[in-house]
Structure formats: structure tokens, C-alpha cells
Amino acid sequence: MEASLPFEVNIPEVLAEVTAAFQRYEVALTTNQVEVLDELFLDGPHTVRYGATENLVGFDEIQAFRLGRSPKNLMRVLGRTVITSYGRDFAVANTEFTREGERRIGRQSHSWVRFGQGWRIVAAHVSWMG
């Protein structure tokens, strides 16, 4: 049983907005649309992306990583995606993924916050199981 919360979980229109932003991110990631990826991460010093092989703190480090990343082998298949909104301005998105030729299962999590310019990722984590 969930504890009583001071905000509503999964307001349908908010969940739809975050899901659309998450799907836009996925298309941009797998097609190497760096400008869209940059747009979807909050441009600030507190934005964090912990990747499978790198720890990036601040938008500038994240942007530099994206610009230097190889555009090869970006396609993946998502599974067990769970997106949850808390109130009208915060959400988390978690998903598993697989890549062709890779036996391990990858995991990705995002913390999304609504700002004046729309939904932005403020924290992201990517890792591999096993």
C-alpha cells in the first residue's frame, strides 16, 4: 500500500508529456541527433550523466562527450520501461535495453523536471548488468 503523498502520481496528461519526451530522447539517441540530446538535458552545472564508462558532471561535460562519441552501434531494443510522474513537474524514466551482438542487459534511468522550456533531464545513469 502506498503512503499518502502530497502530490498525485501519474497524472495522465503529465505522464503522456514525459513519455513523449522520453520517446523523443530515444529516437535522438539511436540516430545520433546530438542537438536534440543537448536540448533534452538541462543546460547547467548540476546536470549529471553517469555512463557505462564515464562520469559526467555539468552540461558542458555531457555535451563534449556527445560530440566525441562514435555514431556507430547506437540502435537498441528497449524492454521493461517504467515512466512515473510525481506531481506536475517531476518524473523518472527507467528502462532496460539490449544491443545486437551484446549479451548483457543495459539499464538506463532519467530524472526529468519540467522547466519553462519544457521537460529536461537533470540526472541520467547508464550501466550494464554482469
N, C-alpha and C. Protein backbone atom coordinates (compact mmCIF):
# COMPACT_ATOMS: atom_id res chain seq x y z
N MET A 1 0.83 -1.18 0.00
CA MET A 1 0.00 0.00 0.00
C MET A 1 0.88 1.25 0.00
N GLU A 2 0.55 2.20 -0.89
CA GLU A 2 1.33 3.43 -0.98
C GLU A 2 0.98 4.37 0.17
N ALA A 3 1.98 5.05 0.67
CA ALA A 3 1.75 6.06 1.70
C ALA A 3 1.01 7.24 1.07
N SER A 4 0.34 7.99 1.89
CA SER A 4 -0.33 9.19 1.41
C SER A 4 0.72 10.19 0.94
N LEU A 5 0.58 10.66 -0.30
CA LEU A 5 1.57 11.56 -0.88
C LEU A 5 0.98 12.96 -1.02
N PRO A 6 1.83 13.99 -0.94
CA PRO A 6 1.34 15.36 -1.08
C PRO A 6 1.15 15.78 -2.54
N PHE A 7 1.23 14.82 -3.47
CA PHE A 7 1.08 15.11 -4.89
C PHE A 7 0.50 13.87 -5.56
N GLU A 8 -0.01 14.06 -6.75
CA GLU A 8 -0.63 12.95 -7.48
C GLU A 8 0.42 12.23 -8.33
N VAL A 9 0.35 10.93 -8.35
CA VAL A 9 1.26 10.11 -9.15
C VAL A 9 0.57 9.77 -10.47
N ASN A 10 1.31 9.93 -11.55
CA ASN A 10 0.87 9.57 -12.90
C ASN A 10 -0.40 10.28 -13.35
N ILE A 11 -0.41 11.59 -13.22
CA ILE A 11 -1.47 12.39 -13.82
C ILE A 11 -1.42 12.09 -15.32
N PRO A 12 -2.52 11.66 -15.91
CA PRO A 12 -2.47 11.17 -17.30
C PRO A 12 -1.81 12.11 -18.30
N GLU A 13 -2.14 13.40 -18.28
CA GLU A 13 -1.55 14.31 -19.27
C GLU A 13 -0.07 14.56 -19.01
N VAL A 14 0.33 14.55 -17.75
CA VAL A 14 1.75 14.72 -17.42
C VAL A 14 2.53 13.48 -17.85
N LEU A 15 1.99 12.32 -17.53
CA LEU A 15 2.64 11.07 -17.94
C LEU A 15 2.78 11.01 -19.46
N ALA A 16 1.78 11.46 -20.19
CA ALA A 16 1.85 11.48 -21.66
C ALA A 16 2.96 12.42 -22.15
N GLU A 17 3.10 13.58 -21.51
CA GLU A 17 4.15 14.53 -21.89
C GLU A 17 5.54 13.95 -21.66
N VAL A 18 5.75 13.36 -20.51
CA VAL A 18 7.06 12.79 -20.19
C VAL A 18 7.36 11.60 -21.10
N THR A 19 6.36 10.79 -21.35
CA THR A 19 6.55 9.64 -22.26
C THR A 19 6.95 10.13 -23.64
N ALA A 20 6.33 11.18 -24.12
CA ALA A 20 6.69 11.73 -25.43
C ALA A 20 8.13 12.26 -25.42
N ALA A 21 8.52 12.94 -24.34
CA ALA A 21 9.90 13.44 -24.23
C ALA A 21 10.89 12.27 -24.20
N PHE A 22 10.55 11.22 -23.44
CA PHE A 22 11.40 10.04 -23.37
C PHE A 22 11.54 9.40 -24.75
N GLN A 23 10.46 9.27 -25.48
CA GLN A 23 10.50 8.68 -26.82
C GLN A 23 11.31 9.55 -27.78
N ARG A 24 11.19 10.85 -27.65
CA ARG A 24 11.99 11.77 -28.47
C ARG A 24 13.48 11.59 -28.16
N TYR A 25 13.80 11.44 -26.89
CA TYR A 25 15.18 11.19 -26.49
C TYR A 25 15.69 9.90 -27.14
N GLU A 26 14.90 8.85 -27.09
CA GLU A 26 15.33 7.55 -27.63
C GLU A 26 15.61 7.64 -29.12
N VAL A 27 14.75 8.30 -29.87
CA VAL A 27 14.99 8.47 -31.31
C VAL A 27 16.27 9.27 -31.53
N ALA A 28 16.44 10.36 -30.79
CA ALA A 28 17.63 11.18 -30.93
C ALA A 28 18.89 10.40 -30.58
N LEU A 29 18.82 9.58 -29.53
CA LEU A 29 19.98 8.79 -29.12
C LEU A 29 20.38 7.79 -30.20
N THR A 30 19.42 7.05 -30.71
CA THR A 30 19.73 5.97 -31.65
C THR A 30 20.02 6.46 -33.06
N THR A 31 19.71 7.73 -33.35
CA THR A 31 20.01 8.30 -34.66
C THR A 31 21.07 9.40 -34.57
N ASN A 32 21.68 9.53 -33.40
CA ASN A 32 22.78 10.46 -33.14
C ASN A 32 22.42 11.92 -33.45
N GLN A 33 21.23 12.33 -33.03
CA GLN A 33 20.81 13.73 -33.16
C GLN A 33 21.32 14.51 -31.95
N VAL A 34 22.57 14.88 -32.00
CA VAL A 34 23.24 15.49 -30.85
C VAL A 34 22.53 16.78 -30.41
N GLU A 35 22.04 17.56 -31.36
CA GLU A 35 21.39 18.82 -30.99
C GLU A 35 20.12 18.57 -30.18
N VAL A 36 19.39 17.50 -30.48
CA VAL A 36 18.19 17.16 -29.71
C VAL A 36 18.59 16.64 -28.33
N LEU A 37 19.62 15.81 -28.27
CA LEU A 37 20.10 15.32 -26.98
C LEU A 37 20.54 16.48 -26.10
N ASP A 38 21.25 17.44 -26.68
CA ASP A 38 21.66 18.63 -25.92
C ASP A 38 20.45 19.40 -25.42
N GLU A 39 19.43 19.51 -26.24
CA GLU A 39 18.23 20.24 -25.85
C GLU A 39 17.53 19.56 -24.67
N LEU A 40 17.52 18.22 -24.65
CA LEU A 40 16.77 17.48 -23.64
C LEU A 40 17.48 17.37 -22.30
N PHE A 41 18.78 17.65 -22.25
CA PHE A 41 19.49 17.71 -20.97
C PHE A 41 19.49 19.16 -20.49
N LEU A 42 19.21 19.39 -19.23
CA LEU A 42 19.23 20.74 -18.69
C LEU A 42 20.63 21.32 -18.82
N ASP A 43 20.72 22.50 -19.40
CA ASP A 43 22.00 23.19 -19.57
C ASP A 43 22.35 23.88 -18.26
N GLY A 44 23.12 23.18 -17.43
CA GLY A 44 23.52 23.74 -16.14
C GLY A 44 24.62 22.93 -15.51
N PRO A 45 25.26 23.49 -14.49
CA PRO A 45 26.40 22.82 -13.85
C PRO A 45 26.02 21.64 -12.96
N HIS A 46 24.74 21.49 -12.63
CA HIS A 46 24.32 20.43 -11.72
C HIS A 46 23.75 19.21 -12.44
N THR A 47 23.65 19.28 -13.76
CA THR A 47 23.15 18.15 -14.54
C THR A 47 24.21 17.06 -14.55
N VAL A 48 23.78 15.81 -14.34
CA VAL A 48 24.72 14.70 -14.21
C VAL A 48 24.33 13.58 -15.16
N ARG A 49 25.35 12.96 -15.77
CA ARG A 49 25.14 11.75 -16.56
C ARG A 49 26.26 10.78 -16.21
N TYR A 50 25.90 9.71 -15.52
CA TYR A 50 26.85 8.65 -15.22
C TYR A 50 26.64 7.56 -16.25
N GLY A 51 27.61 7.38 -17.12
CA GLY A 51 27.50 6.41 -18.20
C GLY A 51 28.17 5.10 -17.85
N ALA A 52 28.16 4.21 -18.82
CA ALA A 52 28.75 2.88 -18.61
C ALA A 52 30.27 2.98 -18.41
N THR A 53 30.90 4.02 -18.98
CA THR A 53 32.36 4.15 -18.88
C THR A 53 32.81 5.56 -18.48
N GLU A 54 31.86 6.44 -18.15
CA GLU A 54 32.24 7.82 -17.86
C GLU A 54 31.30 8.41 -16.81
N ASN A 55 31.83 9.35 -16.03
CA ASN A 55 31.05 10.12 -15.07
C ASN A 55 31.13 11.58 -15.51
N LEU A 56 29.99 12.14 -15.90
CA LEU A 56 29.96 13.49 -16.44
C LEU A 56 29.13 14.38 -15.53
N VAL A 57 29.72 15.47 -15.08
CA VAL A 57 29.04 16.41 -14.20
C VAL A 57 29.03 17.77 -14.88
N GLY A 58 27.84 18.30 -15.06
CA GLY A 58 27.67 19.57 -15.74
C GLY A 58 27.37 19.37 -17.22
N PHE A 59 26.54 20.25 -17.75
CA PHE A 59 26.13 20.15 -19.14
C PHE A 59 27.32 20.17 -20.09
N ASP A 60 28.33 20.98 -19.81
CA ASP A 60 29.48 21.08 -20.72
C ASP A 60 30.18 19.74 -20.90
N GLU A 61 30.35 18.97 -19.82
CA GLU A 61 30.98 17.65 -19.94
C GLU A 61 30.09 16.69 -20.73
N ILE A 62 28.79 16.76 -20.50
CA ILE A 62 27.86 15.89 -21.21
C ILE A 62 27.88 16.22 -22.70
N GLN A 63 27.84 17.49 -23.03
CA GLN A 63 27.87 17.92 -24.43
C GLN A 63 29.16 17.49 -25.11
N ALA A 64 30.30 17.67 -24.46
CA ALA A 64 31.58 17.27 -25.03
C ALA A 64 31.61 15.76 -25.28
N PHE A 65 31.07 14.99 -24.37
CA PHE A 65 31.00 13.53 -24.55
C PHE A 65 30.18 13.21 -25.80
N ARG A 66 29.02 13.81 -25.93
CA ARG A 66 28.15 13.53 -27.07
C ARG A 66 28.85 13.88 -28.39
N LEU A 67 29.55 15.00 -28.42
CA LEU A 67 30.23 15.41 -29.65
C LEU A 67 31.37 14.47 -30.02
N GLY A 68 31.98 13.83 -29.03
CA GLY A 68 33.10 12.94 -29.29
C GLY A 68 32.74 11.48 -29.44
N ARG A 69 31.49 11.14 -29.22
CA ARG A 69 31.04 9.75 -29.24
C ARG A 69 30.89 9.24 -30.67
N SER A 70 31.26 7.99 -30.88
CA SER A 70 31.08 7.37 -32.19
C SER A 70 29.59 7.19 -32.48
N PRO A 71 29.16 7.46 -33.71
CA PRO A 71 27.75 7.28 -34.07
C PRO A 71 27.42 5.83 -34.44
N LYS A 72 28.35 4.90 -34.25
CA LYS A 72 28.13 3.50 -34.61
C LYS A 72 27.53 2.72 -33.45
N ASN A 73 26.76 1.69 -33.79
CA ASN A 73 26.17 0.75 -32.83
C ASN A 73 25.31 1.45 -31.77
N LEU A 74 24.47 2.37 -32.21
CA LEU A 74 23.60 3.09 -31.27
C LEU A 74 22.21 2.46 -31.16
N MET A 75 21.82 1.66 -32.14
CA MET A 75 20.48 1.06 -32.12
C MET A 75 20.38 0.09 -30.94
N ARG A 76 19.20 0.03 -30.38
CA ARG A 76 18.95 -0.86 -29.26
C ARG A 76 17.47 -1.15 -29.18
N VAL A 77 17.15 -2.17 -28.41
CA VAL A 77 15.76 -2.56 -28.18
C VAL A 77 15.47 -2.35 -26.70
N LEU A 78 14.41 -1.60 -26.43
CA LEU A 78 14.04 -1.32 -25.04
C LEU A 78 13.10 -2.39 -24.50
N GLY A 79 13.16 -2.59 -23.20
CA GLY A 79 12.25 -3.51 -22.52
C GLY A 79 12.04 -3.05 -21.09
N ARG A 80 10.91 -3.43 -20.54
CA ARG A 80 10.57 -3.11 -19.15
C ARG A 80 10.75 -1.63 -18.84
N THR A 81 10.24 -0.79 -19.70
CA THR A 81 10.30 0.66 -19.48
C THR A 81 9.22 1.06 -18.48
N VAL A 82 9.62 1.80 -17.46
CA VAL A 82 8.69 2.31 -16.45
C VAL A 82 8.90 3.81 -16.34
N ILE A 83 7.85 4.57 -16.63
CA ILE A 83 7.89 6.02 -16.51
C ILE A 83 6.84 6.40 -15.47
N THR A 84 7.25 7.20 -14.49
CA THR A 84 6.35 7.59 -13.41
C THR A 84 6.49 9.09 -13.18
N SER A 85 5.36 9.78 -13.14
CA SER A 85 5.39 11.21 -12.82
C SER A 85 4.91 11.40 -11.38
N TYR A 86 5.49 12.39 -10.74
CA TYR A 86 5.15 12.75 -9.36
C TYR A 86 4.76 14.22 -9.36
N GLY A 87 3.49 14.48 -9.23
CA GLY A 87 3.01 15.85 -9.37
C GLY A 87 3.05 16.24 -10.84
N ARG A 88 3.17 17.53 -11.09
CA ARG A 88 3.13 18.03 -12.47
C ARG A 88 4.49 18.39 -13.04
N ASP A 89 5.55 18.34 -12.22
CA ASP A 89 6.83 18.87 -12.69
C ASP A 89 8.03 17.94 -12.48
N PHE A 90 7.81 16.70 -12.05
CA PHE A 90 8.93 15.78 -11.84
C PHE A 90 8.53 14.38 -12.28
N ALA A 91 9.48 13.67 -12.90
CA ALA A 91 9.22 12.30 -13.33
C ALA A 91 10.53 11.53 -13.41
N VAL A 92 10.40 10.22 -13.36
CA VAL A 92 11.54 9.35 -13.58
C VAL A 92 11.19 8.37 -14.69
N ALA A 93 12.22 8.00 -15.45
CA ALA A 93 12.05 7.00 -16.51
C ALA A 93 13.16 5.98 -16.37
N ASN A 94 12.79 4.72 -16.32
CA ASN A 94 13.75 3.64 -16.21
C ASN A 94 13.46 2.62 -17.30
N THR A 95 14.52 2.10 -17.91
CA THR A 95 14.32 1.11 -18.96
C THR A 95 15.51 0.16 -19.00
N GLU A 96 15.24 -1.02 -19.50
CA GLU A 96 16.31 -1.96 -19.84
C GLU A 96 16.49 -1.90 -21.34
N PHE A 97 17.69 -2.27 -21.82
CA PHE A 97 17.90 -2.31 -23.26
C PHE A 97 18.89 -3.39 -23.63
N THR A 98 18.79 -3.82 -24.88
CA THR A 98 19.74 -4.78 -25.44
C THR A 98 20.22 -4.22 -26.77
N ARG A 99 21.43 -4.64 -27.15
CA ARG A 99 22.00 -4.27 -28.44
C ARG A 99 22.39 -5.54 -29.18
N GLU A 100 22.27 -5.49 -30.50
CA GLU A 100 22.64 -6.63 -31.31
C GLU A 100 24.10 -6.99 -31.06
N GLY A 101 24.36 -8.27 -30.84
CA GLY A 101 25.70 -8.74 -30.59
C GLY A 101 26.16 -8.59 -29.15
N GLU A 102 25.34 -8.02 -28.30
CA GLU A 102 25.69 -7.81 -26.89
C GLU A 102 24.80 -8.69 -26.03
N ARG A 103 25.41 -9.55 -25.24
CA ARG A 103 24.62 -10.47 -24.41
C ARG A 103 24.13 -9.83 -23.12
N ARG A 104 24.83 -8.82 -22.65
CA ARG A 104 24.45 -8.18 -21.39
C ARG A 104 23.18 -7.34 -21.58
N ILE A 105 22.51 -7.10 -20.48
CA ILE A 105 21.36 -6.21 -20.46
C ILE A 105 21.81 -4.86 -19.92
N GLY A 106 21.45 -3.81 -20.63
CA GLY A 106 21.76 -2.47 -20.19
C GLY A 106 20.61 -1.88 -19.40
N ARG A 107 20.94 -0.90 -18.56
CA ARG A 107 19.91 -0.21 -17.77
C ARG A 107 20.13 1.29 -17.91
N GLN A 108 19.03 2.01 -17.98
CA GLN A 108 19.10 3.46 -18.08
C GLN A 108 18.04 4.08 -17.18
N SER A 109 18.42 5.14 -16.48
CA SER A 109 17.44 5.87 -15.69
C SER A 109 17.62 7.36 -15.95
N HIS A 110 16.50 8.07 -15.94
CA HIS A 110 16.48 9.52 -16.10
C HIS A 110 15.62 10.14 -15.02
N SER A 111 16.04 11.28 -14.53
CA SER A 111 15.18 12.14 -13.72
C SER A 111 14.84 13.34 -14.60
N TRP A 112 13.54 13.56 -14.80
CA TRP A 112 13.04 14.64 -15.66
C TRP A 112 12.36 15.70 -14.79
N VAL A 113 12.61 16.97 -15.12
CA VAL A 113 11.97 18.09 -14.44
C VAL A 113 11.38 19.01 -15.50
N ARG A 114 10.16 19.50 -15.23
CA ARG A 114 9.54 20.46 -16.15
C ARG A 114 10.05 21.86 -15.82
N PHE A 115 10.61 22.52 -16.82
CA PHE A 115 11.05 23.91 -16.73
C PHE A 115 10.22 24.73 -17.70
N GLY A 116 10.44 26.03 -17.74
CA GLY A 116 9.71 26.89 -18.66
C GLY A 116 9.85 26.46 -20.11
N GLN A 117 11.01 25.92 -20.46
CA GLN A 117 11.25 25.49 -21.83
C GLN A 117 10.81 24.05 -22.09
N GLY A 118 10.24 23.40 -21.09
CA GLY A 118 9.75 22.02 -21.27
C GLY A 118 10.46 21.04 -20.36
N TRP A 119 10.25 19.76 -20.63
CA TRP A 119 10.84 18.69 -19.84
C TRP A 119 12.31 18.54 -20.17
N ARG A 120 13.13 18.45 -19.11
CA ARG A 120 14.58 18.30 -19.27
C ARG A 120 15.10 17.23 -18.32
N ILE A 121 16.11 16.51 -18.78
CA ILE A 121 16.79 15.51 -17.95
C ILE A 121 17.78 16.25 -17.06
N VAL A 122 17.71 16.00 -15.75
CA VAL A 122 18.65 16.61 -14.81
C VAL A 122 19.64 15.60 -14.27
N ALA A 123 19.31 14.32 -14.39
CA ALA A 123 20.23 13.26 -13.96
C ALA A 123 19.94 12.02 -14.81
N ALA A 124 21.02 11.37 -15.24
CA ALA A 124 20.89 10.15 -16.04
C ALA A 124 21.96 9.16 -15.60
N HIS A 125 21.62 7.89 -15.74
CA HIS A 125 22.55 6.82 -15.39
C HIS A 125 22.38 5.69 -16.41
N VAL A 126 23.50 5.17 -16.89
CA VAL A 126 23.50 4.04 -17.81
C VAL A 126 24.50 3.02 -17.28
N SER A 127 24.10 1.76 -17.25
CA SER A 127 25.03 0.72 -16.81
C SER A 127 24.66 -0.61 -17.44
N TRP A 128 25.57 -1.54 -17.33
CA TRP A 128 25.37 -2.90 -17.85
C TRP A 128 25.28 -3.87 -16.69
N MET A 129 24.43 -4.88 -16.83
CA MET A 129 24.38 -5.96 -15.85
C MET A 129 25.43 -6.99 -16.24
N GLY A 130 26.11 -7.50 -15.25
CA GLY A 130 27.07 -8.59 -15.46
C GLY A 130 28.16 -8.25 -16.34
